N, C-alpha and C. Protein backbone atom coordinates (compact mmCIF):
# COMPACT_ATOMS: atom_id res chain seq x y z
N MET A 1 0.64 -1.19 -0.13
CA MET A 1 -0.17 -0.64 0.09
C MET A 1 0.91 1.09 0.30
N ARG A 2 0.38 2.15 -0.74
CA ARG A 2 1.48 3.35 -1.26
C ARG A 2 1.38 4.16 0.02
N PHE A 3 0.38 4.32 0.76
CA PHE A 3 0.14 5.32 1.81
C PHE A 3 -0.20 4.77 3.23
N LYS A 4 -0.05 5.81 4.25
CA LYS A 4 -0.59 5.33 5.31
C LYS A 4 -2.07 5.93 5.77
N TYR A 5 -2.28 7.51 5.61
CA TYR A 5 -2.34 8.53 6.01
C TYR A 5 -3.89 8.98 4.58
N TYR A 6 -4.84 8.71 5.25
CA TYR A 6 -6.11 9.10 4.03
C TYR A 6 -7.04 10.20 4.86
N ALA A 7 -7.35 11.19 3.49
CA ALA A 7 -8.53 12.15 3.91
C ALA A 7 -9.79 11.84 2.60
N VAL A 8 -10.75 11.42 3.54
CA VAL A 8 -11.44 10.83 2.81
C VAL A 8 -12.77 11.81 3.06
N ASP A 9 -13.55 12.55 1.82
CA ASP A 9 -14.55 12.89 1.71
C ASP A 9 -15.63 12.42 1.48
N PHE A 10 -16.87 13.06 1.80
CA PHE A 10 -18.11 11.90 2.13
C PHE A 10 -19.12 12.16 1.12
N ASP A 11 -19.68 13.41 0.92
CA ASP A 11 -20.81 13.49 -0.34
C ASP A 11 -19.89 13.56 -1.64
N GLY A 12 -20.78 12.53 -2.70
CA GLY A 12 -19.87 12.68 -3.66
C GLY A 12 -19.15 11.86 -4.11
N THR A 13 -18.42 11.49 -2.81
CA THR A 13 -17.10 10.34 -2.80
C THR A 13 -17.57 9.03 -1.85
N ILE A 14 -17.85 9.01 -0.92
CA ILE A 14 -18.33 7.75 -0.34
C ILE A 14 -19.59 7.46 -0.78
N VAL A 15 -20.50 8.39 -0.32
CA VAL A 15 -22.27 8.42 -1.03
C VAL A 15 -22.44 9.11 -2.38
N THR A 16 -23.30 9.20 -3.33
CA THR A 16 -23.76 10.21 -4.18
C THR A 16 -24.08 11.45 -3.44
N ASN A 17 -23.86 12.41 -3.99
CA ASN A 17 -24.37 13.57 -3.30
C ASN A 17 -25.88 14.09 -3.55
N HIS A 18 -26.29 14.07 -2.35
CA HIS A 18 -27.90 14.27 -1.91
C HIS A 18 -27.33 15.41 -0.86
N TYR A 19 -26.82 15.96 -0.65
CA TYR A 19 -26.76 17.32 0.63
C TYR A 19 -27.74 17.74 0.56
N PRO A 20 -28.98 17.52 1.65
CA PRO A 20 -28.31 17.67 3.11
C PRO A 20 -28.74 16.20 3.53
N GLY A 21 -29.26 15.59 2.91
CA GLY A 21 -29.23 13.97 2.83
C GLY A 21 -28.51 13.31 2.64
N VAL A 22 -28.39 11.77 2.68
CA VAL A 22 -27.26 10.74 2.28
C VAL A 22 -27.59 10.51 1.26
N GLY A 23 -27.03 10.57 0.44
CA GLY A 23 -26.96 9.75 -1.05
C GLY A 23 -26.77 7.84 -0.81
N GLU A 24 -26.77 7.64 -2.21
CA GLU A 24 -26.42 5.75 -2.20
C GLU A 24 -25.20 5.83 -2.26
N LEU A 25 -24.53 4.34 -1.51
CA LEU A 25 -23.19 4.13 -1.75
C LEU A 25 -22.67 4.06 -3.07
N LEU A 26 -21.89 4.68 -3.10
CA LEU A 26 -20.82 4.39 -4.48
C LEU A 26 -20.33 3.08 -4.72
N PRO A 27 -20.37 2.79 -5.84
CA PRO A 27 -19.92 1.07 -6.22
C PRO A 27 -18.08 1.16 -5.67
N ASP A 28 -17.82 -0.18 -4.83
CA ASP A 28 -16.71 -0.23 -4.44
C ASP A 28 -16.10 0.55 -3.37
N ALA A 29 -16.97 1.55 -3.11
CA ALA A 29 -16.36 2.65 -1.75
C ALA A 29 -15.92 2.17 -0.33
N LYS A 30 -17.18 1.16 0.04
CA LYS A 30 -16.90 0.48 1.36
C LYS A 30 -15.70 -0.79 1.44
N ARG A 31 -15.66 -1.16 0.11
CA ARG A 31 -14.97 -1.76 -0.42
C ARG A 31 -13.40 -2.18 0.03
N VAL A 32 -13.05 -0.59 -1.19
CA VAL A 32 -12.19 -0.05 -0.81
C VAL A 32 -11.32 0.34 0.30
N LEU A 33 -12.35 1.07 0.80
CA LEU A 33 -12.26 1.50 2.69
C LEU A 33 -11.65 0.59 3.41
N GLN A 34 -12.27 -0.41 3.29
CA GLN A 34 -12.28 -1.88 3.82
C GLN A 34 -10.91 -2.30 3.97
N ARG A 35 -10.36 -2.35 2.79
CA ARG A 35 -9.19 -2.94 2.29
C ARG A 35 -8.36 -1.64 3.23
N ILE A 36 -8.31 -0.67 2.65
CA ILE A 36 -7.25 0.64 3.18
C ILE A 36 -7.10 -0.01 4.77
N ALA A 37 -7.98 -0.03 5.35
CA ALA A 37 -8.13 0.01 6.98
C ALA A 37 -7.90 -1.30 7.43
N ALA A 38 -7.83 -2.69 6.47
CA ALA A 38 -7.29 -3.42 7.01
C ALA A 38 -5.75 -3.64 6.81
N ASN A 39 -5.20 -2.84 5.94
CA ASN A 39 -3.97 -3.23 5.59
C ASN A 39 -3.21 -1.94 6.27
N GLY A 40 -4.11 -1.35 7.48
CA GLY A 40 -3.27 -0.12 8.41
C GLY A 40 -3.49 1.08 7.97
N GLY A 41 -3.90 1.47 6.71
CA GLY A 41 -4.36 3.02 6.60
C GLY A 41 -5.33 3.57 7.66
N ASP A 42 -4.67 4.75 8.19
CA ASP A 42 -5.56 6.01 8.91
C ASP A 42 -6.53 6.69 8.11
N ILE A 43 -7.68 6.33 8.31
CA ILE A 43 -8.64 7.22 7.69
C ILE A 43 -9.35 8.11 8.45
N SER A 44 -9.18 9.59 7.84
CA SER A 44 -9.79 10.79 8.32
C SER A 44 -11.37 10.83 7.54
N LEU A 45 -12.08 10.94 7.69
CA LEU A 45 -13.32 11.35 7.39
C LEU A 45 -13.43 12.99 7.21
N TRP A 46 -13.60 13.06 5.57
CA TRP A 46 -12.83 14.61 5.71
C TRP A 46 -14.26 15.42 4.85
N THR A 47 -15.01 16.04 5.75
CA THR A 47 -16.69 16.76 5.10
C THR A 47 -16.54 17.75 6.01
N CYS A 48 -17.31 18.91 4.73
CA CYS A 48 -17.70 19.59 5.71
C CYS A 48 -19.31 19.75 6.24
N ARG A 49 -19.74 18.95 6.37
CA ARG A 49 -20.92 18.66 6.77
C ARG A 49 -20.57 19.26 8.45
N VAL A 50 -21.71 19.69 8.95
CA VAL A 50 -21.85 19.76 10.53
C VAL A 50 -22.98 19.65 11.20
N ASP A 51 -23.19 19.80 12.37
CA ASP A 51 -24.43 19.14 13.67
C ASP A 51 -25.10 18.19 12.91
N ASN A 52 -26.43 18.08 12.62
CA ASN A 52 -26.96 17.09 12.32
C ASN A 52 -26.72 16.63 11.01
N GLU A 53 -26.38 17.25 10.07
CA GLU A 53 -25.75 16.60 9.12
C GLU A 53 -24.25 15.42 8.92
N LEU A 54 -23.48 16.11 9.98
CA LEU A 54 -22.69 15.51 10.35
C LEU A 54 -23.16 14.37 11.31
N SER A 55 -23.80 14.20 11.45
CA SER A 55 -24.31 13.20 12.36
C SER A 55 -24.97 12.28 11.69
N ASP A 56 -25.79 12.75 10.60
CA ASP A 56 -26.21 11.48 9.54
C ASP A 56 -25.00 11.06 8.97
N ALA A 57 -24.35 11.61 8.58
CA ALA A 57 -22.53 11.10 7.70
C ALA A 57 -22.30 9.93 8.56
N VAL A 58 -21.82 10.11 9.74
CA VAL A 58 -21.22 9.39 11.05
C VAL A 58 -21.83 8.40 11.22
N ASN A 59 -23.54 8.40 11.29
CA ASN A 59 -23.95 7.23 11.31
C ASN A 59 -24.42 6.29 10.53
N TYR A 60 -24.34 6.84 8.96
CA TYR A 60 -24.24 6.05 7.90
C TYR A 60 -23.10 5.40 7.83
N MET A 61 -21.73 6.10 8.17
CA MET A 61 -20.38 5.11 8.12
C MET A 61 -20.41 3.41 9.56
N LYS A 62 -20.59 4.23 10.30
CA LYS A 62 -21.03 3.13 11.56
C LYS A 62 -22.11 2.04 10.94
N MET A 63 -23.32 2.22 10.62
CA MET A 63 -24.37 1.53 10.61
C MET A 63 -24.02 0.24 8.71
N ASN A 64 -23.22 0.79 8.12
CA ASN A 64 -22.29 0.55 6.74
C ASN A 64 -21.10 -0.53 7.16
N ASP A 65 -20.85 -0.24 8.09
CA ASP A 65 -19.66 -0.68 8.62
C ASP A 65 -18.41 -0.61 7.41
N ILE A 66 -18.44 1.28 7.31
CA ILE A 66 -17.56 1.99 6.50
C ILE A 66 -16.45 2.43 7.83
N PRO A 67 -15.26 2.00 7.65
CA PRO A 67 -14.47 2.13 8.28
C PRO A 67 -13.33 4.04 8.77
N TYR A 68 -13.24 4.34 9.61
CA TYR A 68 -12.86 5.63 9.54
C TYR A 68 -12.36 5.70 10.93
N ASP A 69 -11.24 6.28 11.30
CA ASP A 69 -10.32 6.92 12.46
C ASP A 69 -10.75 8.03 13.34
N ARG A 70 -11.28 8.85 12.70
CA ARG A 70 -11.64 10.03 12.92
C ARG A 70 -12.81 10.87 12.15
N VAL A 71 -13.34 11.82 12.52
CA VAL A 71 -14.00 12.77 11.83
C VAL A 71 -13.19 14.30 12.03
N ASN A 72 -13.01 14.98 10.90
CA ASN A 72 -12.34 16.19 10.52
C ASN A 72 -11.58 16.47 11.69
N GLU A 73 -10.56 15.29 12.02
CA GLU A 73 -9.36 15.91 12.62
C GLU A 73 -8.03 15.13 12.42
N ASN A 74 -6.94 16.05 12.66
CA ASN A 74 -5.92 15.08 12.23
C ASN A 74 -5.24 13.93 13.27
N PRO A 75 -4.44 13.32 12.72
CA PRO A 75 -4.07 12.16 13.32
C PRO A 75 -3.25 12.24 14.60
N PRO A 76 -3.38 11.99 15.89
CA PRO A 76 -2.62 12.42 16.76
C PRO A 76 -1.18 12.92 16.59
N PHE A 77 -0.41 12.49 15.87
CA PHE A 77 0.95 12.53 15.76
C PHE A 77 0.91 14.24 15.48
N LEU A 78 0.33 14.32 14.39
CA LEU A 78 0.11 15.65 13.62
C LEU A 78 -0.55 16.84 14.65
N MET A 79 -1.26 16.53 15.48
CA MET A 79 -1.51 17.28 16.77
C MET A 79 -0.64 17.61 17.55
N GLU A 80 0.28 16.62 17.70
CA GLU A 80 1.46 16.59 18.85
C GLU A 80 2.28 17.29 18.44
N LEU A 81 2.50 17.60 17.25
CA LEU A 81 3.81 17.87 16.45
C LEU A 81 3.55 19.68 16.30
N TYR A 82 2.52 19.74 16.32
CA TYR A 82 1.67 20.92 15.85
C TYR A 82 1.29 21.42 17.27
N GLY A 83 0.88 20.95 18.13
CA GLY A 83 0.47 21.63 19.40
C GLY A 83 -0.95 21.82 19.19
N ASN A 84 -1.95 21.31 18.20
CA ASN A 84 -3.26 21.86 18.00
C ASN A 84 -3.24 20.74 16.96
N ASP A 85 -5.08 21.11 16.83
CA ASP A 85 -5.27 20.37 15.69
C ASP A 85 -6.11 21.48 14.83
N THR A 86 -4.96 21.55 13.37
CA THR A 86 -4.86 22.32 12.75
C THR A 86 -6.06 22.36 11.36
N ARG A 87 -6.56 23.14 11.11
CA ARG A 87 -7.80 23.52 10.18
C ARG A 87 -7.63 22.77 8.86
N LYS A 88 -6.75 22.32 8.49
CA LYS A 88 -6.24 21.64 7.40
C LYS A 88 -5.91 20.06 7.66
N ILE A 89 -6.73 19.15 7.53
CA ILE A 89 -6.23 17.95 7.81
C ILE A 89 -5.22 17.20 7.08
N GLY A 90 -4.50 16.84 7.83
CA GLY A 90 -2.88 16.28 7.40
C GLY A 90 -3.32 14.76 6.80
N ALA A 91 -2.62 14.53 5.49
CA ALA A 91 -2.94 13.09 4.91
C ALA A 91 -1.40 13.13 4.00
N GLU A 92 -1.42 11.61 3.35
CA GLU A 92 -0.67 11.81 2.08
C GLU A 92 -1.51 11.40 1.08
N PHE A 93 -3.01 11.19 1.02
CA PHE A 93 -3.46 10.71 0.01
C PHE A 93 -5.43 11.43 0.44
N TYR A 94 -5.83 12.45 -0.50
CA TYR A 94 -6.80 12.61 -0.62
C TYR A 94 -7.81 12.03 -1.54
N ILE A 95 -8.96 11.87 -0.71
CA ILE A 95 -10.07 11.31 -2.03
C ILE A 95 -11.08 11.99 -2.12
N ASP A 96 -11.39 12.89 -2.77
CA ASP A 96 -12.22 14.01 -2.91
C ASP A 96 -13.37 14.18 -4.46
N ASP A 97 -14.31 14.19 -4.26
CA ASP A 97 -14.84 14.26 -5.67
C ASP A 97 -14.66 15.67 -6.76
N LYS A 98 -14.45 16.48 -5.58
CA LYS A 98 -14.29 18.05 -6.08
C LYS A 98 -12.70 18.26 -6.60
N ALA A 99 -11.87 17.08 -6.66
CA ALA A 99 -10.72 17.05 -6.98
C ALA A 99 -10.47 16.08 -8.42
N MET A 100 -11.62 15.80 -8.71
CA MET A 100 -11.17 14.65 -9.44
C MET A 100 -11.98 15.69 -10.75
N MET A 101 -11.02 15.08 -11.89
CA MET A 101 -11.83 15.80 -12.98
C MET A 101 -13.05 14.86 -13.93
N GLU A 102 -13.34 13.77 -13.18
CA GLU A 102 -14.48 12.88 -14.07
C GLU A 102 -14.84 12.17 -12.12
N PRO A 103 -15.92 11.89 -12.75
CA PRO A 103 -16.60 10.69 -11.42
C PRO A 103 -15.85 10.24 -10.56
N ILE A 104 -16.28 9.72 -9.34
CA ILE A 104 -15.02 8.99 -8.84
C ILE A 104 -15.15 7.72 -9.06
N ASP A 105 -14.16 6.72 -9.35
CA ASP A 105 -13.48 5.58 -9.71
C ASP A 105 -12.69 4.82 -8.39
N TRP A 106 -13.67 4.19 -7.64
CA TRP A 106 -12.89 3.33 -6.40
C TRP A 106 -11.85 2.35 -6.76
N LEU A 107 -12.55 1.60 -8.02
CA LEU A 107 -11.57 0.79 -8.84
C LEU A 107 -9.88 1.04 -9.06
N LYS A 108 -10.05 2.50 -9.69
CA LYS A 108 -9.20 3.10 -9.92
C LYS A 108 -8.40 3.50 -8.93
N ILE A 109 -9.01 3.97 -7.85
CA ILE A 109 -8.13 4.61 -6.57
C ILE A 109 -7.63 3.28 -6.16
N GLU A 110 -8.26 2.08 -5.82
CA GLU A 110 -7.88 0.84 -5.21
C GLU A 110 -6.54 0.62 -6.29
N ARG A 111 -6.25 0.70 -7.55
CA ARG A 111 -5.32 0.03 -8.40
C ARG A 111 -4.18 1.02 -8.11
N TYR A 112 -4.38 2.26 -8.07
CA TYR A 112 -3.27 3.52 -7.33
C TYR A 112 -2.66 2.83 -6.18
N ILE A 113 -3.55 3.00 -5.19
CA ILE A 113 -3.09 2.85 -3.69
C ILE A 113 -2.17 1.70 -3.76
N PHE A 114 -3.02 0.45 -3.87
CA PHE A 114 -1.98 -0.83 -4.13
C PHE A 114 -1.64 -0.94 -5.15
N ASP A 115 -0.89 0.34 -5.91
CA ASP A 115 0.03 0.27 -6.84
C ASP A 115 -0.19 -1.26 -7.67
N GLU A 116 -1.66 -1.27 -7.88
CA GLU A 116 -2.00 -2.71 -9.44
C GLU A 116 -1.96 -2.15 -10.52
N ARG A 117 -1.73 -2.83 -11.43
CA ARG A 117 -1.79 -2.62 -12.79
C ARG A 117 -2.65 -3.07 -13.39
């Protein structure tokens, strides 16, 4: 696996974008995130959601066994390094539909992360 620390968006990335509701799970998102976690990956759920909408996303993740280590927080070692939880989430790999030039394709992401050709 190429990276240890991941920041993963929710709307449009794990689920289809139906904000403020929760959309449908995108193909392969759960399986790839489970594979990342099973291989020691550290996943920060990285979302603009707040309050009830954030609770809805977190509950969805829990109810569907989609792994994450924290929500909108940095890994503990970064908080210790900087003496606080900076606004920018630190990661080695960011998965966000806003950064893609095409729709999220979890199979492509998986091949890249696990260096599969």
